[in-house]
Each structure stands twice: as C-alpha cells, then as structure tokens.
C-alpha cells in the first residue's frame, strides 16, 4: 500500500515499509573510519550547508569559513552530504573533501524563475563560468586574423 497521495512520483512510489526503513536510519554515519555521511549538515539534518538560500529564493555557494565551522570533531577524509541537490566539491583548508553528489530525485521546492548556471564537477577548484567568454575570444581571434 502506498503511503499517501502526493504529486511527486518518487514519493508516490514509497510504501510504508520504505518510509519505516528510512526513518530507522541514523542522522549521520561513519563508514570504515574514512567516510562521514550526513543528509544536510553534520549538525543539522535540515540545514543548507554548502549553499545559502537568499531571500529571493536563489542559492549562493557558502564560504569556506562557514563550511569548515560545521566539521569540527569530524576526522574523516571524505565527507558526503546532500540536501541541496546541487553537485559540489569543496576542498577544506586541511585537504579533506566535502562532496554533495547532486540530486538523484526531484527538488523539494519549485523555482518560479529559471536561473542560468554552469556546474563543473570533478574538481573542488572550479571557478564561475563566464558564458560570454567564448564569444569574446572568437571576436578577438577574428580581429587578429584581419590584421
């Protein structure tokens, strides 16, 4: 039997035993003394950790100081989190990594205005993407050829 009526297909597919299993899981888990797992932040299962939500509903990456403030007492070399549904890798100042693999489901909220963004995965040292840079480079290259 399904848990309840819901508009999201992923929630509709859950049966009572699935919900009970999820509810029985610990809030955090240390796997093989090397990987720390949490849903949102290590100290708050509902907090946005790697991003901050602005008043207009958009998100911005959290700064390193605020991210590191929440890992005190965690010795794992890899910290896995989720909740924000945005893939991000952050290298802490001591070299450890915090990784949010991104969404495997739907966002838990609706965004009324589409936001342009560029996501680089695979490196914690990615930078903001300038979407006009390729066009500027093309104009520059064509201008140089005309000389």
Protein backbone atom coordinates (compact mmCIF):
# COMPACT_ATOMS: atom_id res chain seq x y z
CA UNK A 1 0.00 0.00 0.00
CA UNK A 2 1.30 3.46 -0.89
CA UNK A 3 1.99 5.91 1.93
CA UNK A 4 -0.33 8.73 0.80
CA UNK A 5 -1.47 10.71 -2.19
CA UNK A 6 1.22 13.05 -3.44
CA UNK A 7 2.01 14.91 -6.66
CA UNK A 8 5.64 13.72 -6.79
CA UNK A 9 6.08 10.32 -8.42
CA UNK A 10 9.09 9.45 -6.28
CA UNK A 11 7.09 9.96 -3.08
CA UNK A 12 4.10 8.12 -4.54
CA UNK A 13 6.27 5.04 -5.12
CA UNK A 14 7.14 4.70 -1.43
CA UNK A 15 5.37 2.06 0.59
CA UNK A 16 5.04 2.12 4.37
CA UNK A 17 7.97 -0.28 4.81
CA UNK A 18 10.20 2.08 2.78
CA UNK A 19 9.27 5.02 4.99
CA UNK A 20 9.87 2.92 8.13
CA UNK A 21 13.31 1.85 6.87
CA UNK A 22 14.27 5.45 6.07
CA UNK A 23 13.08 6.65 9.48
CA UNK A 24 15.21 3.99 11.21
CA UNK A 25 18.47 5.22 9.63
CA UNK A 26 20.90 7.28 11.74
CA UNK A 27 21.22 11.02 11.07
CA UNK A 28 24.97 10.56 10.43
CA UNK A 29 27.20 7.59 9.74
CA UNK A 30 30.94 6.99 9.75
CA UNK A 31 31.86 4.37 7.16
CA UNK A 32 35.18 2.48 7.56
CA UNK A 33 36.57 5.34 9.68
CA UNK A 34 37.19 7.35 6.48
CA UNK A 35 33.85 8.50 5.06
CA UNK A 36 31.39 10.60 7.07
CA UNK A 37 27.85 10.65 5.70
CA UNK A 38 25.06 13.08 6.52
CA UNK A 39 21.92 14.25 4.78
CA UNK A 40 22.32 18.02 5.10
CA UNK A 41 24.98 19.28 7.52
CA UNK A 42 26.80 17.22 10.16
CA UNK A 43 24.98 19.03 12.97
CA UNK A 44 21.61 19.79 11.36
CA UNK A 45 19.66 17.40 9.13
CA UNK A 46 17.61 20.22 7.58
CA UNK A 47 20.27 22.91 7.06
CA UNK A 48 21.64 24.04 3.72
CA UNK A 49 25.37 23.60 4.28
CA UNK A 50 27.26 24.03 1.01
CA UNK A 51 24.93 26.74 -0.21
CA UNK A 52 22.97 29.56 1.34
CA UNK A 53 19.44 30.36 0.25
CA UNK A 54 18.90 34.04 -0.46
CA UNK A 55 15.71 35.98 0.27
CA UNK A 56 14.69 35.82 -3.41
CA UNK A 57 14.92 32.01 -3.35
CA UNK A 58 18.17 31.73 -5.29
CA UNK A 59 21.17 29.98 -3.82
CA UNK A 60 24.80 31.01 -3.48
CA UNK A 61 27.76 28.83 -2.53
CA UNK A 62 28.58 29.02 1.17
CA UNK A 63 32.02 30.36 2.00
CA UNK A 64 34.78 28.10 3.27
CA UNK A 65 34.74 29.57 6.79
CA UNK A 66 31.06 28.69 7.31
CA UNK A 67 31.54 25.22 5.79
CA UNK A 68 34.56 24.44 7.97
CA UNK A 69 32.76 25.62 11.11
CA UNK A 70 30.46 22.60 10.88
CA UNK A 71 33.15 19.89 10.53
CA UNK A 72 34.73 20.37 13.95
CA UNK A 73 35.30 16.95 15.52
CA UNK A 74 34.94 15.02 12.26
CA UNK A 75 38.19 13.30 11.30
CA UNK A 76 37.04 11.57 8.10
CA UNK A 77 39.00 12.40 4.96
CA UNK A 78 35.80 12.41 2.88
CA UNK A 79 32.51 13.94 3.98
CA UNK A 80 29.42 13.18 1.88
CA UNK A 81 26.28 15.27 2.18
CA UNK A 82 23.16 16.08 0.21
CA UNK A 83 20.01 18.09 0.83
CA UNK A 84 20.79 20.96 -1.57
CA UNK A 85 20.55 18.73 -4.68
CA UNK A 86 23.39 20.70 -6.32
CA UNK A 87 26.61 18.84 -7.09
CA UNK A 88 29.58 20.49 -5.41
CA UNK A 89 33.01 19.50 -4.15
CA UNK A 90 34.73 21.65 -1.52
CA UNK A 91 38.35 21.18 -0.50
CA UNK A 92 38.78 22.13 3.14
CA UNK A 93 41.88 24.05 4.19
CA UNK A 94 43.33 20.83 5.70
CA UNK A 95 42.91 18.96 2.39
CA UNK A 96 39.79 16.93 3.24
CA UNK A 97 36.90 16.91 0.78
CA UNK A 98 33.22 17.65 1.29
CA UNK A 99 31.13 16.26 -1.58
CA UNK A 100 27.50 16.69 -2.48
CA UNK A 101 26.92 14.35 -5.44
CA UNK A 102 23.83 16.29 -6.51
CA UNK A 103 20.28 15.21 -6.99
CA UNK A 104 19.07 11.73 -7.72
CA UNK A 105 15.49 12.91 -7.42
CA UNK A 106 13.37 15.98 -7.80
CA UNK A 107 13.94 19.24 -5.96
CA UNK A 108 11.84 19.55 -2.84
CA UNK A 109 10.65 23.00 -3.85
CA UNK A 110 9.65 24.86 -7.00
CA UNK A 111 11.63 27.66 -8.62
CA UNK A 112 9.36 30.08 -10.47
CA UNK A 113 12.11 31.85 -12.41
CA UNK A 114 14.67 29.78 -14.32
CA UNK A 115 18.24 30.62 -13.27
CA UNK A 116 21.21 30.26 -15.57
CA UNK A 117 24.05 28.31 -14.06
CA UNK A 118 27.03 26.22 -15.01
CA UNK A 119 28.10 23.27 -12.92
CA UNK A 120 31.62 21.90 -13.11
CA UNK A 121 32.10 18.56 -11.46
CA UNK A 122 35.20 16.56 -10.76
CA UNK A 123 37.24 19.35 -9.20
CA UNK A 124 36.84 21.31 -5.99
CA UNK A 125 38.85 24.09 -7.64
CA UNK A 126 36.26 25.08 -10.27
CA UNK A 127 35.53 28.73 -10.95
CA UNK A 128 32.48 30.71 -12.02
CA UNK A 129 31.65 30.27 -15.69
CA UNK A 130 31.65 33.33 -17.93
CA UNK A 131 29.20 32.35 -20.67
CA UNK A 132 30.22 35.33 -22.84
CA UNK A 133 33.93 34.46 -22.82
CA UNK A 134 33.80 32.12 -25.86
CA UNK A 135 32.12 34.82 -27.98
CA UNK A 136 34.71 37.42 -26.90
CA UNK A 137 37.52 35.02 -27.75
CA UNK A 138 36.03 34.39 -31.19
CA UNK A 139 35.74 38.14 -31.91
CA UNK A 140 39.33 38.65 -30.72
CA UNK A 141 40.61 35.79 -32.90
CA UNK A 142 38.75 37.05 -35.96
CA UNK A 143 40.07 40.57 -35.37
CA UNK A 144 43.65 39.25 -35.20
CA UNK A 145 43.22 37.35 -38.49
CA UNK A 146 42.10 40.54 -40.22
CA UNK A 147 45.44 42.24 -39.42
